[in-house]
Amino acid sequence: MSIEITVLFDVVPGRMESVAAAFQELCDATRQEEGALRFDAFRSVEHPDVVVLVEDWADQEAIDLHMKQPYVAEFLARTDGAFGRPPYVHRLRALDA
């Protein structure tokens, strides 16, 4: 069974353009990883300063490897100070699980 994660990011007003570019690069690189089944970033229609990251991973090992990639560190450096609060992480589980 894969691991599904959704992360909400509150972007500081005026930073969306640079944050969106950073997310796009992160998504492009991450999708090349063997254990990344899905890695997509969306901008909320109702809340224009919110980015929602939707992830699906083969297993915890794939997530751990992803977090060690240099482009993850580059993303974190590029977006430093761009979020109004820490990301809100949701590790998902089916209702019947």
Protein backbone atom coordinates (compact mmCIF):
# COMPACT_ATOMS: atom_id res chain seq x y z
CA MET A 1 0.00 0.00 0.00
CA SER A 2 1.37 3.41 -0.96
CA ILE A 3 1.70 6.42 1.34
CA GLU A 4 -0.47 9.40 0.45
CA ILE A 5 0.36 12.84 1.81
CA THR A 6 -1.18 16.27 1.32
CA VAL A 7 0.65 19.38 2.50
CA LEU A 8 -0.81 22.90 2.72
CA PHE A 9 1.50 25.90 2.48
CA ASP A 10 0.36 29.43 3.41
CA VAL A 11 2.41 31.67 1.13
CA VAL A 12 3.30 35.16 2.29
CA PRO A 13 1.54 37.76 0.09
CA GLY A 14 3.78 38.87 -2.76
CA ARG A 15 5.85 35.67 -2.80
CA MET A 16 3.57 33.41 -4.87
CA GLU A 17 5.36 33.89 -8.19
CA SER A 18 8.76 32.81 -6.85
CA VAL A 19 7.22 30.05 -4.71
CA ALA A 20 5.29 28.67 -7.68
CA ALA A 21 8.50 28.53 -9.75
CA ALA A 22 10.30 26.73 -6.91
CA PHE A 23 7.46 24.22 -6.57
CA GLN A 24 7.44 23.56 -10.30
CA GLU A 25 11.15 22.74 -10.29
CA LEU A 26 10.73 20.54 -7.20
CA CYS A 27 7.84 18.66 -8.81
CA ASP A 28 9.69 18.15 -12.08
CA ALA A 29 12.73 16.70 -10.29
CA THR A 30 10.75 14.62 -7.79
CA ARG A 31 8.62 12.95 -10.47
CA GLN A 32 11.82 11.36 -11.79
CA GLU A 33 12.36 9.51 -8.50
CA GLU A 34 11.63 5.78 -8.63
CA GLY A 35 9.40 5.75 -5.53
CA ALA A 36 7.44 8.91 -6.38
CA LEU A 37 4.06 7.74 -7.66
CA ARG A 38 2.59 11.25 -7.64
CA PHE A 39 3.97 14.67 -6.77
CA ASP A 40 1.81 17.61 -7.84
CA ALA A 41 1.46 21.17 -6.57
CA PHE A 42 -1.76 23.17 -6.89
CA ARG A 43 -2.81 26.71 -6.08
CA SER A 44 -6.07 26.98 -4.18
CA VAL A 45 -8.84 28.74 -6.10
CA GLU A 46 -10.64 29.84 -2.93
CA HIS A 47 -7.46 30.85 -1.07
CA PRO A 48 -4.99 32.29 -3.63
CA ASP A 49 -2.08 32.39 -1.18
CA VAL A 50 -2.29 28.64 -0.46
CA VAL A 51 -0.34 25.94 -2.29
CA VAL A 52 -1.44 22.33 -1.87
CA LEU A 53 1.08 19.58 -2.49
CA VAL A 54 -0.35 16.14 -3.28
CA GLU A 55 2.07 13.25 -2.89
CA ASP A 56 1.88 9.48 -3.29
CA TRP A 57 4.92 7.38 -2.42
CA ALA A 58 5.73 3.71 -2.85
CA ASP A 59 6.95 3.43 0.75
CA GLN A 60 8.66 5.26 3.62
CA GLU A 61 12.08 4.48 2.18
CA ALA A 62 11.19 6.46 -0.95
CA ILE A 63 10.13 9.44 1.19
CA ASP A 64 13.33 9.26 3.23
CA LEU A 65 15.44 9.15 0.06
CA HIS A 66 13.50 12.07 -1.42
CA MET A 67 14.19 14.25 1.62
CA LYS A 68 17.95 13.72 1.12
CA GLN A 69 17.96 14.94 -2.49
CA PRO A 70 19.92 18.16 -3.19
CA TYR A 71 16.97 19.71 -4.99
CA VAL A 72 14.87 19.41 -1.81
CA ALA A 73 17.52 21.43 0.05
CA GLU A 74 17.57 23.93 -2.83
CA PHE A 75 13.76 24.23 -2.67
CA LEU A 76 13.88 24.85 1.09
CA ALA A 77 16.55 27.53 0.62
CA ARG A 78 14.61 29.24 -2.18
CA THR A 79 11.39 29.32 -0.18
CA ASP A 80 12.93 30.29 3.17
CA GLY A 81 10.69 32.93 4.73
CA ALA A 82 7.99 32.49 2.07
CA PHE A 83 5.47 30.73 4.30
CA GLY A 84 3.37 32.41 6.97
CA ARG A 85 3.39 29.31 9.16
CA PRO A 86 4.90 25.84 9.06
CA PRO A 87 3.44 23.56 6.36
CA TYR A 88 0.33 21.67 7.45
CA VAL A 89 1.03 18.01 6.69
CA HIS A 90 -1.74 15.41 6.28
CA ARG A 91 -0.62 11.79 6.02
CA LEU A 92 -3.79 10.16 4.69
CA ARG A 93 -5.46 6.85 5.55
CA ALA A 94 -8.59 5.39 4.02
CA LEU A 95 -11.67 5.65 6.25
CA ASP A 96 -12.05 1.88 6.29
CA ALA A 97 -8.40 1.18 7.12
